[in-house]
PDB file of all heavy atoms in Angstrom:
ATOM      1  N   ILE A   1     -31.371 -66.108  57.549  1.00  0.00           N
ATOM      2  CA  ILE A   1     -32.567 -65.262  57.996  1.00  0.00           C
ATOM      3  C   ILE A   1     -32.197 -63.810  57.929  1.00  0.00           C
ATOM      4  O   ILE A   1     -31.097 -63.500  58.528  1.00  0.00           O
ATOM      5  CB  ILE A   1     -32.948 -65.730  59.376  1.00  0.00           C
ATOM      6  CG1 ILE A   1     -33.342 -67.139  59.471  1.00  0.00           C
ATOM      7  CG2 ILE A   1     -34.092 -64.762  60.009  1.00  0.00           C
ATOM      8  CD1 ILE A   1     -33.553 -67.727  60.886  1.00  0.00           C
ATOM      9  N   PHE A   2     -32.911 -63.003  57.299  1.00  0.00           N
ATOM     10  CA  PHE A   2     -32.645 -61.663  57.149  1.00  0.00           C
ATOM     11  C   PHE A   2     -33.924 -60.825  57.134  1.00  0.00           C
ATOM     12  O   PHE A   2     -35.067 -61.388  56.918  1.00  0.00           O
ATOM     13  CB  PHE A   2     -31.722 -61.364  55.956  1.00  0.00           C
ATOM     14  CG  PHE A   2     -32.419 -61.591  54.592  1.00  0.00           C
ATOM     15  CD1 PHE A   2     -33.164 -60.715  53.951  1.00  0.00           C
ATOM     16  CD2 PHE A   2     -32.222 -62.862  54.151  1.00  0.00           C
ATOM     17  CE1 PHE A   2     -33.689 -60.969  52.673  1.00  0.00           C
ATOM     18  CE2 PHE A   2     -32.933 -63.221  52.831  1.00  0.00           C
ATOM     19  CZ  PHE A   2     -33.694 -62.302  52.221  1.00  0.00           C
ATOM     20  N   GLU A   3     -33.787 -59.595  57.331  1.00  0.00           N
ATOM     21  CA  GLU A   3     -34.938 -58.575  57.359  1.00  0.00           C
ATOM     22  C   GLU A   3     -34.507 -57.340  56.631  1.00  0.00           C
ATOM     23  O   GLU A   3     -33.473 -56.824  56.872  1.00  0.00           O
ATOM     24  CB  GLU A   3     -35.403 -58.344  58.704  1.00  0.00           C
ATOM     25  CG  GLU A   3     -36.594 -57.456  58.763  1.00  0.00           C
ATOM     26  CD  GLU A   3     -37.002 -57.216  60.158  1.00  0.00           C
ATOM     27  OE1 GLU A   3     -36.706 -58.068  61.094  1.00  0.00           O
ATOM     28  OE2 GLU A   3     -37.695 -56.139  60.504  1.00  0.00           O
ATOM     29  N   GLU A   4     -35.337 -56.870  55.778  1.00  0.00           N
ATOM     30  CA  GLU A   4     -34.997 -55.608  55.030  1.00  0.00           C
ATOM     31  C   GLU A   4     -35.856 -54.474  55.817  1.00  0.00           C
ATOM     32  O   GLU A   4     -36.998 -54.617  55.779  1.00  0.00           O
ATOM     33  CB  GLU A   4     -35.416 -55.688  53.607  1.00  0.00           C
ATOM     34  CG  GLU A   4     -35.057 -54.516  52.779  1.00  0.00           C
ATOM     35  CD  GLU A   4     -35.351 -54.666  51.291  1.00  0.00           C
ATOM     36  OE1 GLU A   4     -35.951 -55.688  50.879  1.00  0.00           O
ATOM     37  OE2 GLU A   4     -35.030 -53.870  50.546  1.00  0.00           O
ATOM     38  N   THR A   5     -35.283 -53.501  56.159  1.00  0.00           N
ATOM     39  CA  THR A   5     -35.970 -52.338  56.771  1.00  0.00           C
ATOM     40  C   THR A   5     -35.304 -51.117  56.393  1.00  0.00           C
ATOM     41  O   THR A   5     -34.198 -50.990  55.862  1.00  0.00           O
ATOM     42  CB  THR A   5     -35.828 -52.441  58.424  1.00  0.00           C
ATOM     43  OG1 THR A   5     -34.410 -52.370  58.726  1.00  0.00           O
ATOM     44  CG2 THR A   5     -36.327 -53.674  58.968  1.00  0.00           C
ATOM     45  N   GLU A   6     -36.117 -50.014  56.557  1.00  0.00           N
ATOM     46  CA  GLU A   6     -35.713 -48.633  56.275  1.00  0.00           C
ATOM     47  C   GLU A   6     -34.945 -48.084  57.454  1.00  0.00           C
ATOM     48  O   GLU A   6     -35.410 -48.424  58.600  1.00  0.00           O
ATOM     49  CB  GLU A   6     -36.926 -47.794  55.820  1.00  0.00           C
ATOM     50  CG  GLU A   6     -37.526 -48.146  54.593  1.00  0.00           C
ATOM     51  CD  GLU A   6     -38.540 -47.123  54.078  1.00  0.00           C
ATOM     52  OE1 GLU A   6     -38.998 -46.278  54.894  1.00  0.00           O
ATOM     53  OE2 GLU A   6     -38.945 -47.203  52.949  1.00  0.00           O
ATOM     54  N   VAL A   7     -33.925 -47.265  57.224  1.00  0.00           N
ATOM     55  CA  VAL A   7     -33.137 -46.735  58.251  1.00  0.00           C
ATOM     56  C   VAL A   7     -32.915 -45.209  58.052  1.00  0.00           C
ATOM     57  O   VAL A   7     -33.119 -44.688  56.929  1.00  0.00           O
ATOM     58  CB  VAL A   7     -31.797 -47.504  58.448  1.00  0.00           C
ATOM     59  CG1 VAL A   7     -31.916 -48.819  58.756  1.00  0.00           C
ATOM     60  CG2 VAL A   7     -31.012 -47.313  57.125  1.00  0.00           C
ATOM     61  N   ALA A   8     -32.475 -44.515  59.099  1.00  0.00           N
ATOM     62  CA  ALA A   8     -32.106 -43.141  59.023  1.00  0.00           C
ATOM     63  C   ALA A   8     -30.522 -43.061  58.855  1.00  0.00           C
ATOM     64  O   ALA A   8     -29.919 -43.802  59.534  1.00  0.00           O
ATOM     65  CB  ALA A   8     -32.600 -42.396  60.183  1.00  0.00           C
ATOM     66  N   VAL A   9     -30.103 -42.217  57.928  1.00  0.00           N
ATOM     67  CA  VAL A   9     -28.563 -42.222  57.695  1.00  0.00           C
ATOM     68  C   VAL A   9     -28.116 -40.687  57.760  1.00  0.00           C
ATOM     69  O   VAL A   9     -28.799 -39.798  57.290  1.00  0.00           O
ATOM     70  CB  VAL A   9     -28.342 -42.742  56.241  1.00  0.00           C
ATOM     71  CG1 VAL A   9     -26.932 -42.647  55.980  1.00  0.00           C
ATOM     72  CG2 VAL A   9     -28.808 -44.105  56.193  1.00  0.00           C
ATOM     73  N   ILE A  10     -27.094 -40.568  58.273  1.00  0.00           N
ATOM     74  CA  ILE A  10     -26.380 -39.267  58.287  1.00  0.00           C
ATOM     75  C   ILE A  10     -24.925 -39.302  58.077  1.00  0.00           C
ATOM     76  O   ILE A  10     -24.216 -40.341  58.495  1.00  0.00           O
ATOM     77  CB  ILE A  10     -26.606 -38.530  59.665  1.00  0.00           C
ATOM     78  CG1 ILE A  10     -26.086 -37.049  59.620  1.00  0.00           C
ATOM     79  CG2 ILE A  10     -26.032 -39.259  60.845  1.00  0.00           C
ATOM     80  CD1 ILE A  10     -26.491 -36.196  60.795  1.00  0.00           C
ATOM     81  N   ARG A  11     -24.399 -38.420  57.298  1.00  0.00           N
ATOM     82  CA  ARG A  11     -22.957 -38.352  57.129  1.00  0.00           C
ATOM     83  C   ARG A  11     -22.401 -37.352  58.123  1.00  0.00           C
ATOM     84  O   ARG A  11     -22.937 -36.209  58.129  1.00  0.00           O
ATOM     85  CB  ARG A  11     -22.667 -37.999  55.657  1.00  0.00           C
ATOM     86  CG  ARG A  11     -22.913 -38.982  54.557  1.00  0.00           C
ATOM     87  CD  ARG A  11     -22.937 -38.570  53.250  1.00  0.00           C
ATOM     88  NE  ARG A  11     -23.223 -39.640  52.337  1.00  0.00           N
ATOM     89  CZ  ARG A  11     -24.511 -40.271  52.156  1.00  0.00           C
ATOM     90  NH1 ARG A  11     -25.517 -39.781  52.819  1.00  0.00           N
ATOM     91  NH2 ARG A  11     -24.581 -41.225  51.333  1.00  0.00           N
ATOM     92  N   LEU A  12     -21.350 -37.706  58.781  1.00  0.00           N
ATOM     93  CA  LEU A  12     -20.846 -36.863  59.956  1.00  0.00           C
ATOM     94  C   LEU A  12     -19.337 -36.587  59.695  1.00  0.00           C
ATOM     95  O   LEU A  12     -18.616 -37.488  59.028  1.00  0.00           O
ATOM     96  CB  LEU A  12     -20.995 -37.637  61.225  1.00  0.00           C
ATOM     97  CG  LEU A  12     -22.427 -37.942  61.761  1.00  0.00           C
ATOM     98  CD1 LEU A  12     -22.260 -38.897  62.844  1.00  0.00           C
ATOM     99  CD2 LEU A  12     -23.086 -36.722  62.098  1.00  0.00           C
ATOM    100  N   ALA A  13     -18.849 -35.495  60.335  1.00  0.00           N
ATOM    101  CA  ALA A  13     -17.445 -35.293  60.249  1.00  0.00           C
ATOM    102  C   ALA A  13     -16.804 -36.385  61.047  1.00  0.00           C
ATOM    103  O   ALA A  13     -17.294 -36.896  61.998  1.00  0.00           O
ATOM    104  CB  ALA A  13     -17.126 -33.892  61.003  1.00  0.00           C
ATOM    105  N   HIS A  14     -15.645 -36.837  60.521  1.00  0.00           N
ATOM    106  CA  HIS A  14     -14.914 -38.006  61.088  1.00  0.00           C
ATOM    107  C   HIS A  14     -13.936 -37.403  62.190  1.00  0.00           C
ATOM    108  O   HIS A  14     -12.794 -37.322  62.089  1.00  0.00           O
ATOM    109  CB  HIS A  14     -14.092 -38.589  60.023  1.00  0.00           C
ATOM    110  CG  HIS A  14     -13.489 -39.918  60.565  1.00  0.00           C
ATOM    111  ND1 HIS A  14     -12.198 -40.190  60.102  1.00  0.00           N
ATOM    112  CD2 HIS A  14     -13.875 -40.843  61.381  1.00  0.00           C
ATOM    113  CE1 HIS A  14     -11.837 -41.326  60.747  1.00  0.00           C
ATOM    114  NE2 HIS A  14     -12.821 -41.710  61.408  1.00  0.00           N
ATOM    115  N   ARG A  15     -14.676 -37.128  63.369  1.00  0.00           N
ATOM    116  CA  ARG A  15     -14.050 -36.785  64.578  1.00  0.00           C
ATOM    117  C   ARG A  15     -14.647 -37.342  65.859  1.00  0.00           C
ATOM    118  O   ARG A  15     -15.865 -37.547  65.805  1.00  0.00           O
ATOM    119  CB  ARG A  15     -13.743 -35.269  64.574  1.00  0.00           C
ATOM    120  CG  ARG A  15     -15.055 -34.548  64.626  1.00  0.00           C
ATOM    121  CD  ARG A  15     -14.847 -32.932  64.709  1.00  0.00           C
ATOM    122  NE  ARG A  15     -16.034 -32.232  64.477  1.00  0.00           N
ATOM    123  CZ  ARG A  15     -16.430 -31.527  63.459  1.00  0.00           C
ATOM    124  NH1 ARG A  15     -15.521 -31.353  62.491  1.00  0.00           N
ATOM    125  NH2 ARG A  15     -17.623 -30.944  63.428  1.00  0.00           N
ATOM    126  N   PRO A  16     -13.939 -37.303  66.887  1.00  0.00           N
ATOM    127  CA  PRO A  16     -14.576 -37.852  68.122  1.00  0.00           C
ATOM    128  C   PRO A  16     -15.830 -37.020  68.602  1.00  0.00           C
ATOM    129  O   PRO A  16     -15.885 -35.804  68.463  1.00  0.00           O
ATOM    130  CB  PRO A  16     -13.448 -37.711  69.174  1.00  0.00           C
ATOM    131  CG  PRO A  16     -12.138 -37.648  68.535  1.00  0.00           C
ATOM    132  CD  PRO A  16     -12.457 -36.999  67.115  1.00  0.00           C
ATOM    133  N   GLY A  17     -16.800 -37.818  69.028  1.00  0.00           N
ATOM    134  CA  GLY A  17     -18.004 -37.258  69.556  1.00  0.00           C
ATOM    135  C   GLY A  17     -19.149 -37.073  68.743  1.00  0.00           C
ATOM    136  O   GLY A  17     -20.307 -36.790  69.010  1.00  0.00           O
ATOM    137  N   GLU A  18     -18.929 -37.097  67.376  1.00  0.00           N
ATOM    138  CA  GLU A  18     -19.998 -36.763  66.377  1.00  0.00           C
ATOM    139  C   GLU A  18     -21.109 -37.863  66.418  1.00  0.00           C
ATOM    140  O   GLU A  18     -22.268 -37.547  66.285  1.00  0.00           O
ATOM    141  CB  GLU A  18     -19.421 -36.675  64.931  1.00  0.00           C
ATOM    142  CG  GLU A  18     -18.546 -35.441  64.714  1.00  0.00           C
ATOM    143  CD  GLU A  18     -19.284 -34.090  65.005  1.00  0.00           C
ATOM    144  OE1 GLU A  18     -20.447 -33.885  64.502  1.00  0.00           O
ATOM    145  OE2 GLU A  18     -18.805 -33.389  65.833  1.00  0.00           O
ATOM    146  N   LEU A  19     -20.742 -39.083  66.477  1.00  0.00           N
ATOM    147  CA  LEU A  19     -21.711 -40.194  66.611  1.00  0.00           C
ATOM    148  C   LEU A  19     -22.595 -39.969  67.804  1.00  0.00           C
ATOM    149  O   LEU A  19     -23.815 -40.073  67.809  1.00  0.00           O
ATOM    150  CB  LEU A  19     -21.053 -41.559  66.528  1.00  0.00           C
ATOM    151  CG  LEU A  19     -22.003 -42.803  66.601  1.00  0.00           C
ATOM    152  CD1 LEU A  19     -22.919 -42.777  65.459  1.00  0.00           C
ATOM    153  CD2 LEU A  19     -21.283 -44.072  66.614  1.00  0.00           C
ATOM    154  N   GLY A  20     -21.933 -39.804  68.939  1.00  0.00           N
ATOM    155  CA  GLY A  20     -22.620 -39.491  70.167  1.00  0.00           C
ATOM    156  C   GLY A  20     -23.569 -38.334  70.156  1.00  0.00           C
ATOM    157  O   GLY A  20     -24.653 -38.382  70.677  1.00  0.00           O
ATOM    158  N   ARG A  21     -23.092 -37.304  69.332  1.00  0.00           N
ATOM    159  CA  ARG A  21     -23.985 -36.058  69.343  1.00  0.00           C
ATOM    160  C   ARG A  21     -25.305 -36.370  68.551  1.00  0.00           C
ATOM    161  O   ARG A  21     -26.269 -36.070  68.830  1.00  0.00           O
ATOM    162  CB  ARG A  21     -23.160 -34.955  68.620  1.00  0.00           C
ATOM    163  CG  ARG A  21     -23.883 -33.645  68.543  1.00  0.00           C
ATOM    164  CD  ARG A  21     -22.879 -32.492  68.229  1.00  0.00           C
ATOM    165  NE  ARG A  21     -22.438 -32.604  66.893  1.00  0.00           N
ATOM    166  CZ  ARG A  21     -22.848 -31.738  65.944  1.00  0.00           C
ATOM    167  NH1 ARG A  21     -23.802 -30.907  66.110  1.00  0.00           N
ATOM    168  NH2 ARG A  21     -22.265 -31.876  64.674  1.00  0.00           N
ATOM    169  N   ALA A  22     -25.060 -37.164  67.422  1.00  0.00           N
ATOM    170  CA  ALA A  22     -26.256 -37.592  66.620  1.00  0.00           C
ATOM    171  C   ALA A  22     -27.199 -38.433  67.425  1.00  0.00           C
ATOM    172  O   ALA A  22     -28.401 -38.219  67.429  1.00  0.00           O
ATOM    173  CB  ALA A  22     -25.786 -38.364  65.341  1.00  0.00           C
ATOM    174  N   ALA A  23     -26.569 -39.440  68.233  1.00  0.00           N
ATOM    175  CA  ALA A  23     -27.441 -40.243  69.053  1.00  0.00           C
ATOM    176  C   ALA A  23     -28.142 -39.549  70.103  1.00  0.00           C
ATOM    177  O   ALA A  23     -29.367 -39.737  70.391  1.00  0.00           O
ATOM    178  CB  ALA A  23     -26.566 -41.442  69.560  1.00  0.00           C
ATOM    179  N   SER A  24     -27.495 -38.597  70.734  1.00  0.00           N
ATOM    180  CA  SER A  24     -28.064 -37.703  71.825  1.00  0.00           C
ATOM    181  C   SER A  24     -29.148 -36.898  71.234  1.00  0.00           C
ATOM    182  O   SER A  24     -30.277 -36.649  71.926  1.00  0.00           O
ATOM    183  CB  SER A  24     -27.033 -36.825  72.402  1.00  0.00           C
ATOM    184  OG  SER A  24     -26.064 -37.579  73.046  1.00  0.00           O
ATOM    185  N   ARG A  25     -29.027 -36.396  70.101  1.00  0.00           N
ATOM    186  CA  ARG A  25     -30.044 -35.510  69.432  1.00  0.00           C
ATOM    187  C   ARG A  25     -31.254 -36.368  69.208  1.00  0.00           C
ATOM    188  O   ARG A  25     -32.416 -35.878  69.457  1.00  0.00           O
ATOM    189  CB  ARG A  25     -29.601 -34.877  68.174  1.00  0.00           C
ATOM    190  CG  ARG A  25     -30.500 -33.933  67.450  1.00  0.00           C
ATOM    191  CD  ARG A  25     -30.501 -32.595  68.209  1.00  0.00           C
ATOM    192  NE  ARG A  25     -29.243 -31.924  68.266  1.00  0.00           N
ATOM    193  CZ  ARG A  25     -28.825 -31.047  67.454  1.00  0.00           C
ATOM    194  NH1 ARG A  25     -29.538 -30.643  66.376  1.00  0.00           N
ATOM    195  NH2 ARG A  25     -27.587 -30.480  67.608  1.00  0.00           N
ATOM    196  N   LEU A  26     -31.194 -37.566  68.758  1.00  0.00           N
ATOM    197  CA  LEU A  26     -32.351 -38.401  68.609  1.00  0.00           C
ATOM    198  C   LEU A  26     -32.949 -38.720  69.973  1.00  0.00           C
ATOM    199  O   LEU A  26     -34.244 -38.615  70.074  1.00  0.00           O
ATOM    200  CB  LEU A  26     -31.889 -39.727  67.955  1.00  0.00           C
ATOM    201  CG  LEU A  26     -31.484 -39.682  66.508  1.00  0.00           C
ATOM    202  CD1 LEU A  26     -30.845 -41.008  66.055  1.00  0.00           C
ATOM    203  CD2 LEU A  26     -32.567 -39.231  65.509  1.00  0.00           C
ATOM    204  N   GLY A  27     -32.164 -39.010  70.993  1.00  0.00           N
ATOM    205  CA  GLY A  27     -32.751 -39.192  72.343  1.00  0.00           C
ATOM    206  C   GLY A  27     -33.455 -38.030  72.941  1.00  0.00           C
ATOM    207  O   GLY A  27     -34.477 -38.133  73.570  1.00  0.00           O
ATOM    208  N   GLU A  28     -32.920 -36.837  72.634  1.00  0.00           N
ATOM    209  CA  GLU A  28     -33.559 -35.631  73.084  1.00  0.00           C
ATOM    210  C   GLU A  28     -34.946 -35.353  72.513  1.00  0.00           C
ATOM    211  O   GLU A  28     -35.826 -34.841  73.151  1.00  0.00           O
ATOM    212  CB  GLU A  28     -32.721 -34.389  72.726  1.00  0.00           C
ATOM    213  CG  GLU A  28     -31.446 -34.214  73.602  1.00  0.00           C
ATOM    214  CD  GLU A  28     -30.421 -33.249  72.944  1.00  0.00           C
ATOM    215  OE1 GLU A  28     -30.807 -32.550  71.947  1.00  0.00           O
ATOM    216  OE2 GLU A  28     -29.290 -33.099  73.402  1.00  0.00           O
TER     217      GLU A  28
END
């Protein structure tokens, strides 16, 4: 069972906190 959906993608610097920053920005 699978589903194909569109997603938002970002390339980030590979350092601590970057994923959290992107998620926080979406939440804001």
